Amino acid sequence: MEIKILELNAGSVKILFVGESHTYMNALTQQILTDSRVDVASYNPKFNFTDPELFVSTKDGVDPIAVIIDAARKISADCAELLEAIENPEIK
């Protein structure tokens, strides 16, 4: 995955996600919004054929990159759990 940090401040970041789809951006944005340290999280697709931009603003100067990393790790853990359940289903 290629990203480009367009703007980074103490409490906010704007990142371009090259080649990513609405599916991933929706999941990431929704996960970020569950974090109580976050003020705003949104992504702007501009057009369906352009790379989406993610904007995250945090409270009290919390590092927005750390918030995004935490959200991505949570999504990854959820996916690993799903894969485990699919690969080893309980047969009733």
PDB file of N, CA and C in Angstrom:
ATOM      1  N   MET A   1       0.858  -1.170   0.000  1.00  0.00           N
ATOM      2  CA  MET A   1       0.000   0.000   0.000  1.00  0.00           C
ATOM      3  C   MET A   1       0.900   1.227   0.000  1.00  0.00           C
ATOM      4  N   GLU A   2       0.621   2.130  -0.903  1.00  0.00           N
ATOM      5  CA  GLU A   2       1.389   3.368  -0.982  1.00  0.00           C
ATOM      6  C   GLU A   2       0.572   4.502  -0.379  1.00  0.00           C
ATOM      7  N   ILE A   3       1.201   5.251   0.528  1.00  0.00           N
ATOM      8  CA  ILE A   3       0.557   6.430   1.102  1.00  0.00           C
ATOM      9  C   ILE A   3       1.479   7.629   0.920  1.00  0.00           C
ATOM     10  N   LYS A   4       0.849   8.796   0.892  1.00  0.00           N
ATOM     11  CA  LYS A   4       1.596  10.047   0.824  1.00  0.00           C
ATOM     12  C   LYS A   4       1.033  10.973   1.886  1.00  0.00           C
ATOM     13  N   ILE A   5       1.874  11.392   2.811  1.00  0.00           N
ATOM     14  CA  ILE A   5       1.430  12.330   3.836  1.00  0.00           C
ATOM     15  C   ILE A   5       1.435  13.721   3.212  1.00  0.00           C
ATOM     16  N   LEU A   6       0.234  14.280   3.110  1.00  0.00           N
ATOM     17  CA  LEU A   6       0.070  15.584   2.474  1.00  0.00           C
ATOM     18  C   LEU A   6       0.240  16.728   3.457  1.00  0.00           C
ATOM     19  N   GLU A   7      -0.151  16.471   4.707  1.00  0.00           N
ATOM     20  CA  GLU A   7      -0.104  17.514   5.735  1.00  0.00           C
ATOM     21  C   GLU A   7      -0.025  16.834   7.094  1.00  0.00           C
ATOM     22  N   LEU A   8       0.885  17.270   7.950  1.00  0.00           N
ATOM     23  CA  LEU A   8       1.023  16.698   9.284  1.00  0.00           C
ATOM     24  C   LEU A   8       1.259  17.810  10.281  1.00  0.00           C
ATOM     25  N   ASN A   9       0.383  17.876  11.274  1.00  0.00           N
ATOM     26  CA  ASN A   9       0.492  18.842  12.361  1.00  0.00           C
ATOM     27  C   ASN A   9       0.445  18.071  13.680  1.00  0.00           C
ATOM     28  N   ALA A  10       0.589  18.776  14.784  1.00  0.00           N
ATOM     29  CA  ALA A  10       0.601  18.125  16.101  1.00  0.00           C
ATOM     30  C   ALA A  10      -0.667  17.307  16.351  1.00  0.00           C
ATOM     31  N   GLY A  11      -1.803  17.797  15.898  1.00  0.00           N
ATOM     32  CA  GLY A  11      -3.054  17.108  16.192  1.00  0.00           C
ATOM     33  C   GLY A  11      -3.868  16.710  14.982  1.00  0.00           C
ATOM     34  N   SER A  12      -3.251  16.743  13.799  1.00  0.00           N
ATOM     35  CA  SER A  12      -4.006  16.353  12.607  1.00  0.00           C
ATOM     36  C   SER A  12      -3.069  15.884  11.498  1.00  0.00           C
ATOM     37  N   VAL A  13      -3.668  15.104  10.596  1.00  0.00           N
ATOM     38  CA  VAL A  13      -2.910  14.603   9.457  1.00  0.00           C
ATOM     39  C   VAL A  13      -3.850  14.436   8.278  1.00  0.00           C
ATOM     40  N   LYS A  14      -3.310  14.658   7.095  1.00  0.00           N
ATOM     41  CA  LYS A  14      -4.031  14.381   5.848  1.00  0.00           C
ATOM     42  C   LYS A  14      -3.139  13.459   5.028  1.00  0.00           C
ATOM     43  N   ILE A  15      -3.680  12.288   4.673  1.00  0.00           N
ATOM     44  CA  ILE A  15      -2.898  11.271   3.965  1.00  0.00           C
ATOM     45  C   ILE A  15      -3.628  10.855   2.693  1.00  0.00           C
ATOM     46  N   LEU A  16      -2.881  10.732   1.616  1.00  0.00           N
ATOM     47  CA  LEU A  16      -3.397  10.224   0.354  1.00  0.00           C
ATOM     48  C   LEU A  16      -3.104   8.726   0.294  1.00  0.00           C
ATOM     49  N   PHE A  17      -4.121   7.922   0.040  1.00  0.00           N
ATOM     50  CA  PHE A  17      -3.986   6.469  -0.078  1.00  0.00           C
ATOM     51  C   PHE A  17      -4.035   6.109  -1.557  1.00  0.00           C
ATOM     52  N   VAL A  18      -2.884   5.835  -2.120  1.00  0.00           N
ATOM     53  CA  VAL A  18      -2.769   5.595  -3.552  1.00  0.00           C
ATOM     54  C   VAL A  18      -3.381   4.240  -3.909  1.00  0.00           C
ATOM     55  N   GLY A  19      -4.365   4.280  -4.803  1.00  0.00           N
ATOM     56  CA  GLY A  19      -4.960   3.055  -5.326  1.00  0.00           C
ATOM     57  C   GLY A  19      -5.923   2.335  -4.403  1.00  0.00           C
ATOM     58  N   GLU A  20      -6.259   2.909  -3.267  1.00  0.00           N
ATOM     59  CA  GLU A  20      -7.166   2.227  -2.337  1.00  0.00           C
ATOM     60  C   GLU A  20      -8.630   2.479  -2.702  1.00  0.00           C
ATOM     61  N   SER A  21      -9.466   1.585  -2.246  1.00  0.00           N
ATOM     62  CA  SER A  21     -10.888   1.635  -2.581  1.00  0.00           C
ATOM     63  C   SER A  21     -11.712   2.216  -1.435  1.00  0.00           C
ATOM     64  N   HIS A  22     -12.966   2.461  -1.732  1.00  0.00           N
ATOM     65  CA  HIS A  22     -13.902   2.935  -0.715  1.00  0.00           C
ATOM     66  C   HIS A  22     -14.065   1.906   0.398  1.00  0.00           C
ATOM     67  N   THR A  23     -13.976   0.636   0.061  1.00  0.00           N
ATOM     68  CA  THR A  23     -14.183  -0.415   1.052  1.00  0.00           C
ATOM     69  C   THR A  23     -13.185  -0.287   2.189  1.00  0.00           C
ATOM     70  N   TYR A  24     -11.912  -0.215   1.867  1.00  0.00           N
ATOM     71  CA  TYR A  24     -10.897  -0.100   2.912  1.00  0.00           C
ATOM     72  C   TYR A  24     -10.997   1.237   3.635  1.00  0.00           C
ATOM     73  N   MET A  25     -11.210   2.298   2.896  1.00  0.00           N
ATOM     74  CA  MET A  25     -11.270   3.624   3.521  1.00  0.00           C
ATOM     75  C   MET A  25     -12.463   3.739   4.464  1.00  0.00           C
ATOM     76  N   ASN A  26     -13.599   3.153   4.099  1.00  0.00           N
ATOM     77  CA  ASN A  26     -14.753   3.153   4.999  1.00  0.00           C
ATOM     78  C   ASN A  26     -14.434   2.407   6.278  1.00  0.00           C
ATOM     79  N   ALA A  27     -13.840   1.221   6.143  1.00  0.00           N
ATOM     80  CA  ALA A  27     -13.500   0.413   7.323  1.00  0.00           C
ATOM     81  C   ALA A  27     -12.510   1.154   8.218  1.00  0.00           C
ATOM     82  N   LEU A  28     -11.466   1.724   7.625  1.00  0.00           N
ATOM     83  CA  LEU A  28     -10.457   2.439   8.402  1.00  0.00           C
ATOM     84  C   LEU A  28     -11.053   3.664   9.091  1.00  0.00           C
ATOM     85  N   THR A  29     -11.824   4.430   8.370  1.00  0.00           N
ATOM     86  CA  THR A  29     -12.434   5.635   8.950  1.00  0.00           C
ATOM     87  C   THR A  29     -13.364   5.276  10.102  1.00  0.00           C
ATOM     88  N   GLN A  30     -14.187   4.253   9.917  1.00  0.00           N
ATOM     89  CA  GLN A  30     -15.111   3.837  10.978  1.00  0.00           C
ATOM     90  C   GLN A  30     -14.352   3.350  12.211  1.00  0.00           C
ATOM     91  N   GLN A  31     -13.273   2.629  12.002  1.00  0.00           N
ATOM     92  CA  GLN A  31     -12.473   2.151  13.139  1.00  0.00           C
ATOM     93  C   GLN A  31     -11.819   3.323  13.857  1.00  0.00           C
ATOM     94  N   ILE A  32     -11.300   4.279  13.124  1.00  0.00           N
ATOM     95  CA  ILE A  32     -10.686   5.459  13.741  1.00  0.00           C
ATOM     96  C   ILE A  32     -11.708   6.214  14.585  1.00  0.00           C
ATOM     97  N   LEU A  33     -12.931   6.305  14.092  1.00  0.00           N
ATOM     98  CA  LEU A  33     -13.972   7.048  14.813  1.00  0.00           C
ATOM     99  C   LEU A  33     -14.372   6.404  16.138  1.00  0.00           C
ATOM    100  N   THR A  34     -14.021   5.146  16.351  1.00  0.00           N
ATOM    101  CA  THR A  34     -14.333   4.502  17.635  1.00  0.00           C
ATOM    102  C   THR A  34     -13.345   4.907  18.725  1.00  0.00           C
ATOM    103  N   ASP A  35     -12.262   5.571  18.347  1.00  0.00           N
ATOM    104  CA  ASP A  35     -11.217   5.978  19.282  1.00  0.00           C
ATOM    105  C   ASP A  35     -11.624   7.286  19.964  1.00  0.00           C
ATOM    106  N   SER A  36     -11.672   7.271  21.282  1.00  0.00           N
ATOM    107  CA  SER A  36     -12.100   8.461  22.035  1.00  0.00           C
ATOM    108  C   SER A  36     -11.116   9.625  21.919  1.00  0.00           C
ATOM    109  N   ARG A  37      -9.916   9.371  21.414  1.00  0.00           N
ATOM    110  CA  ARG A  37      -8.924  10.438  21.256  1.00  0.00           C
ATOM    111  C   ARG A  37      -9.129  11.244  19.983  1.00  0.00           C
ATOM    112  N   VAL A  38     -10.109  10.842  19.169  1.00  0.00           N
ATOM    113  CA  VAL A  38     -10.313  11.436  17.847  1.00  0.00           C
ATOM    114  C   VAL A  38     -11.429  12.468  17.861  1.00  0.00           C
ATOM    115  N   ASP A  39     -11.166  13.620  17.257  1.00  0.00           N
ATOM    116  CA  ASP A  39     -12.188  14.646  17.039  1.00  0.00           C
ATOM    117  C   ASP A  39     -12.924  14.367  15.732  1.00  0.00           C
ATOM    118  N   VAL A  40     -12.155  14.244  14.649  1.00  0.00           N
ATOM    119  CA  VAL A  40     -12.719  14.094  13.310  1.00  0.00           C
ATOM    120  C   VAL A  40     -11.924  13.046  12.550  1.00  0.00           C
ATOM    121  N   ALA A  41     -12.632  12.207  11.815  1.00  0.00           N
ATOM    122  CA  ALA A  41     -11.995  11.290  10.874  1.00  0.00           C
ATOM    123  C   ALA A  41     -12.912  11.204   9.671  1.00  0.00           C
ATOM    124  N   SER A  42     -12.369  11.528   8.508  1.00  0.00           N
ATOM    125  CA  SER A  42     -13.171  11.452   7.294  1.00  0.00           C
ATOM    126  C   SER A  42     -12.239  11.207   6.123  1.00  0.00           C
ATOM    127  N   TYR A  43     -12.826  10.666   5.073  1.00  0.00           N
ATOM    128  CA  TYR A  43     -12.030  10.534   3.864  1.00  0.00           C
ATOM    129  C   TYR A  43     -12.811  11.153   2.727  1.00  0.00           C
ATOM    130  N   ASN A  44     -12.063  11.698   1.786  1.00  0.00           N
ATOM    131  CA  ASN A  44     -12.646  12.406   0.664  1.00  0.00           C
ATOM    132  C   ASN A  44     -12.228  11.704  -0.621  1.00  0.00           C
ATOM    133  N   PRO A  45     -13.156  11.013  -1.279  1.00  0.00           N
ATOM    134  CA  PRO A  45     -12.787  10.340  -2.519  1.00  0.00           C
ATOM    135  C   PRO A  45     -12.709  11.284  -3.718  1.00  0.00           C
ATOM    136  N   LYS A  46     -13.151  12.531  -3.555  1.00  0.00           N
ATOM    137  CA  LYS A  46     -13.238  13.520  -4.628  1.00  0.00           C
ATOM    138  C   LYS A  46     -14.012  12.953  -5.817  1.00  0.00           C
ATOM    139  N   PHE A  47     -13.425  11.995  -6.499  1.00  0.00           N
ATOM    140  CA  PHE A  47     -14.095  11.313  -7.613  1.00  0.00           C
ATOM    141  C   PHE A  47     -13.835   9.823  -7.448  1.00  0.00           C
ATOM    142  N   ASN A  48     -14.666   8.986  -8.037  1.00  0.00           N
ATOM    143  CA  ASN A  48     -14.497   7.539  -7.909  1.00  0.00           C
ATOM    144  C   ASN A  48     -13.169   7.052  -8.473  1.00  0.00           C
ATOM    145  N   PHE A  49     -12.589   7.776  -9.386  1.00  0.00           N
ATOM    146  CA  PHE A  49     -11.369   7.325 -10.035  1.00  0.00           C
ATOM    147  C   PHE A  49     -10.107   7.980  -9.470  1.00  0.00           C
ATOM    148  N   THR A  50     -10.224   8.710  -8.358  1.00  0.00           N
ATOM    149  CA  THR A  50      -9.047   9.337  -7.757  1.00  0.00           C
ATOM    150  C   THR A  50      -8.719   8.655  -6.431  1.00  0.00           C
ATOM    151  N   ASP A  51      -7.506   8.838  -5.996  1.00  0.00           N
ATOM    152  CA  ASP A  51      -7.060   8.265  -4.734  1.00  0.00           C
ATOM    153  C   ASP A  51      -7.703   9.023  -3.569  1.00  0.00           C
ATOM    154  N   PRO A  52      -8.211   8.282  -2.574  1.00  0.00           N
ATOM    155  CA  PRO A  52      -8.880   8.944  -1.452  1.00  0.00           C
ATOM    156  C   PRO A  52      -7.896   9.593  -0.481  1.00  0.00           C
ATOM    157  N   GLU A  53      -8.341  10.706   0.119  1.00  0.00           N
ATOM    158  CA  GLU A  53      -7.571  11.395   1.145  1.00  0.00           C
ATOM    159  C   GLU A  53      -8.251  11.174   2.489  1.00  0.00           C
ATOM    160  N   LEU A  54      -7.468  10.778   3.479  1.00  0.00           N
ATOM    161  CA  LEU A  54      -7.952  10.592   4.839  1.00  0.00           C
ATOM    162  C   LEU A  54      -7.523  11.784   5.671  1.00  0.00           C
ATOM    163  N   PHE A  55      -8.450  12.335   6.436  1.00  0.00           N
ATOM    164  CA  PHE A  55      -8.144  13.420   7.367  1.00  0.00           C
ATOM    165  C   PHE A  55      -8.492  12.948   8.761  1.00  0.00           C
ATOM    166  N   VAL A  56      -7.558  13.089   9.690  1.00  0.00           N
ATOM    167  CA  VAL A  56      -7.784  12.724  11.095  1.00  0.00           C
ATOM    168  C   VAL A  56      -7.319  13.878  11.966  1.00  0.00           C
ATOM    169  N   SER A  57      -8.209  14.288  12.861  1.00  0.00           N
ATOM    170  CA  SER A  57      -7.896  15.318  13.840  1.00  0.00           C
ATOM    171  C   SER A  57      -8.112  14.714  15.226  1.00  0.00           C
ATOM    172  N   THR A  58      -7.147  14.941  16.118  1.00  0.00           N
ATOM    173  CA  THR A  58      -7.212  14.333  17.442  1.00  0.00           C
ATOM    174  C   THR A  58      -7.361  15.383  18.538  1.00  0.00           C
ATOM    175  N   LYS A  59      -7.728  14.901  19.710  1.00  0.00           N
ATOM    176  CA  LYS A  59      -7.895  15.763  20.882  1.00  0.00           C
ATOM    177  C   LYS A  59      -6.572  15.879  21.632  1.00  0.00           C
ATOM    178  N   ASP A  60      -6.354  17.002  22.245  1.00  0.00           N
ATOM    179  CA  ASP A  60      -5.223  17.224  23.161  1.00  0.00           C
ATOM    180  C   ASP A  60      -3.864  16.890  22.564  1.00  0.00           C
ATOM    181  N   GLY A  61      -3.704  17.101  21.273  1.00  0.00           N
ATOM    182  CA  GLY A  61      -2.410  16.896  20.646  1.00  0.00           C
ATOM    183  C   GLY A  61      -1.966  15.453  20.508  1.00  0.00           C
ATOM    184  N   VAL A  62      -2.909  14.507  20.613  1.00  0.00           N
ATOM    185  CA  VAL A  62      -2.576  13.094  20.424  1.00  0.00           C
ATOM    186  C   VAL A  62      -2.051  12.894  19.004  1.00  0.00           C
ATOM    187  N   ASP A  63      -1.032  12.074  18.873  1.00  0.00           N
ATOM    188  CA  ASP A  63      -0.415  11.822  17.568  1.00  0.00           C
ATOM    189  C   ASP A  63      -1.425  11.141  16.639  1.00  0.00           C
ATOM    190  N   PRO A  64      -1.846  11.802  15.560  1.00  0.00           N
ATOM    191  CA  PRO A  64      -2.844  11.207  14.668  1.00  0.00           C
ATOM    192  C   PRO A  64      -2.318   9.979  13.921  1.00  0.00           C
ATOM    193  N   ILE A  65      -1.023   9.916  13.688  1.00  0.00           N
ATOM    194  CA  ILE A  65      -0.439   8.741  13.028  1.00  0.00           C
ATOM    195  C   ILE A  65      -0.583   7.520  13.939  1.00  0.00           C
ATOM    196  N   ALA A  66      -0.364   7.696  15.227  1.00  0.00           N
ATOM    197  CA  ALA A  66      -0.522   6.596  16.189  1.00  0.00           C
ATOM    198  C   ALA A  66      -1.959   6.094  16.204  1.00  0.00           C
ATOM    199  N   VAL A  67      -2.913   6.997  16.093  1.00  0.00           N
ATOM    200  CA  VAL A  67      -4.330   6.618  16.059  1.00  0.00           C
ATOM    201  C   VAL A  67      -4.616   5.777  14.815  1.00  0.00           C
ATOM    202  N   ILE A  68      -4.083   6.180  13.681  1.00  0.00           N
ATOM    203  CA  ILE A  68      -4.298   5.434  12.433  1.00  0.00           C
ATOM    204  C   ILE A  68      -3.646   4.053  12.523  1.00  0.00           C
ATOM    205  N   ILE A  69      -2.454   3.990  13.085  1.00  0.00           N
ATOM    206  CA  ILE A  69      -1.770   2.708  13.260  1.00  0.00           C
ATOM    207  C   ILE A  69      -2.592   1.789  14.155  1.00  0.00           C
ATOM    208  N   ASP A  70      -3.101   2.311  15.267  1.00  0.00           N
ATOM    209  CA  ASP A  70      -3.932   1.513  16.173  1.00  0.00           C
ATOM    210  C   ASP A  70      -5.160   0.974  15.451  1.00  0.00           C
ATOM    211  N   ALA A  71      -5.797   1.812  14.650  1.00  0.00           N
ATOM    212  CA  ALA A  71      -6.996   1.399  13.907  1.00  0.00           C
ATOM    213  C   ALA A  71      -6.660   0.315  12.888  1.00  0.00           C
ATOM    214  N   ALA A  72      -5.548   0.478  12.174  1.00  0.00           N
ATOM    215  CA  ALA A  72      -5.142  -0.521  11.180  1.00  0.00           C
ATOM    216  C   ALA A  72      -4.825  -1.851  11.860  1.00  0.00           C
ATOM    217  N   ARG A  73      -4.186  -1.811  13.023  1.00  0.00           N
ATOM    218  CA  ARG A  73      -3.899  -3.048  13.770  1.00  0.00           C
ATOM    219  C   ARG A  73      -5.179  -3.737  14.219  1.00  0.00           C
ATOM    220  N   LYS A  74      -6.165  -2.956  14.628  1.00  0.00           N
ATOM    221  CA  LYS A  74      -7.451  -3.528  15.055  1.00  0.00           C
ATOM    222  C   LYS A  74      -8.136  -4.208  13.873  1.00  0.00           C
ATOM    223  N   ILE A  75      -8.141  -3.559  12.720  1.00  0.00           N
ATOM    224  CA  ILE A  75      -8.733  -4.163  11.519  1.00  0.00           C
ATOM    225  C   ILE A  75      -7.995  -5.455  11.173  1.00  0.00           C
ATOM    226  N   SER A  76      -6.672  -5.426  11.253  1.00  0.00           N
ATOM    227  CA  SER A  76      -5.874  -6.611  10.958  1.00  0.00           C
ATOM    228  C   SER A  76      -6.201  -7.754  11.917  1.00  0.00           C
ATOM    229  N   ALA A  77      -6.346  -7.445  13.203  1.00  0.00           N
ATOM    230  CA  ALA A  77      -6.688  -8.468  14.200  1.00  0.00           C
ATOM    231  C   ALA A  77      -8.078  -9.038  13.933  1.00  0.00           C
ATOM    232  N   ASP A  78      -9.017  -8.176  13.563  1.00  0.00           N
ATOM    233  CA  ASP A  78     -10.370  -8.650  13.238  1.00  0.00           C
ATOM    234  C   ASP A  78     -10.339  -9.580  12.030  1.00  0.00           C
ATOM    235  N   CYS A  79      -9.538  -9.239  11.038  1.00  0.00           N
ATOM    236  CA  CYS A  79      -9.428 -10.084   9.838  1.00  0.00           C
ATOM    237  C   CYS A  79      -8.775 -11.426  10.168  1.00  0.00           C
ATOM    238  N   ALA A  80      -7.754 -11.408  11.009  1.00  0.00           N
ATOM    239  CA  ALA A  80      -7.092 -12.657  11.415  1.00  0.00           C
ATOM    240  C   ALA A  80      -8.065 -13.554  12.170  1.00  0.00           C
ATOM    241  N   GLU A  81      -8.876 -12.960  13.017  1.00  0.00           N
ATOM    242  CA  GLU A  81      -9.883 -13.717  13.764  1.00  0.00           C
ATOM    243  C   GLU A  81     -10.913 -14.330  12.815  1.00  0.00           C
ATOM    244  N   LEU A  82     -11.342 -13.577  11.827  1.00  0.00           N
ATOM    245  CA  LEU A  82     -12.288 -14.084  10.840  1.00  0.00           C
ATOM    246  C   LEU A  82     -11.684 -15.233  10.043  1.00  0.00           C
ATOM    247  N   LEU A  83     -10.440 -15.067   9.602  1.00  0.00           N
ATOM    248  CA  LEU A  83      -9.765 -16.131   8.855  1.00  0.00           C
ATOM    249  C   LEU A  83      -9.660 -17.409   9.687  1.00  0.00           C
ATOM    250  N   GLU A  84      -9.319 -17.270  10.944  1.00  0.00           N
ATOM    251  CA  GLU A  84      -9.234 -18.429  11.835  1.00  0.00           C
ATOM    252  C   GLU A  84     -10.576 -19.139  11.939  1.00  0.00           C
ATOM    253  N   ALA A  85     -11.639 -18.367  12.082  1.00  0.00           N
ATOM    254  CA  ALA A  85     -12.980 -18.955  12.189  1.00  0.00           C
ATOM    255  C   ALA A  85     -13.384 -19.667  10.891  1.00  0.00           C
ATOM    256  N   ILE A  86     -13.009 -19.103   9.767  1.00  0.00           N
ATOM    257  CA  ILE A  86     -13.352 -19.708   8.485  1.00  0.00           C
ATOM    258  C   ILE A  86     -12.520 -20.976   8.251  1.00  0.00           C
ATOM    259  N   GLU A  87     -11.243 -20.920   8.596  1.00  0.00           N
ATOM    260  CA  GLU A  87     -10.366 -22.065   8.375  1.00  0.00           C
ATOM    261  C   GLU A  87     -10.624 -23.209   9.348  1.00  0.00           C
ATOM    262  N   ASN A  88     -11.152 -22.898  10.506  1.00  0.00           N
ATOM    263  CA  ASN A  88     -11.419 -23.910  11.536  1.00  0.00           C
ATOM    264  C   ASN A  88     -12.847 -23.756  12.076  1.00  0.00           C
ATOM    265  N   PRO A  89     -13.823 -23.996  11.233  1.00  0.00           N
ATOM    266  CA  PRO A  89     -15.205 -23.767  11.677  1.00  0.00           C
ATOM    267  C   PRO A  89     -15.661 -24.834  12.677  1.00  0.00           C
ATOM    268  N   GLU A  90     -16.569 -24.397  13.543  1.00  0.00           N
ATOM    269  CA  GLU A  90     -17.248 -25.349  14.433  1.00  0.00           C
ATOM    270  C   GLU A  90     -18.367 -25.960  13.640  1.00  0.00           C
ATOM    271  N   ILE A  91     -18.380 -27.251  13.537  1.00  0.00           N
ATOM    272  CA  ILE A  91     -19.436 -27.936  12.790  1.00  0.00           C
ATOM    273  C   ILE A  91     -20.465 -28.413  13.806  1.00  0.00           C
ATOM    274  N   LYS A  92     -21.695 -27.994  13.593  1.00  0.00           N
ATOM    275  CA  LYS A  92     -22.775 -28.361  14.525  1.00  0.00           C
ATOM    276  C   LYS A  92     -23.697 -29.348  13.880  1.00  0.00           C
TER     277      LYS A  92
END
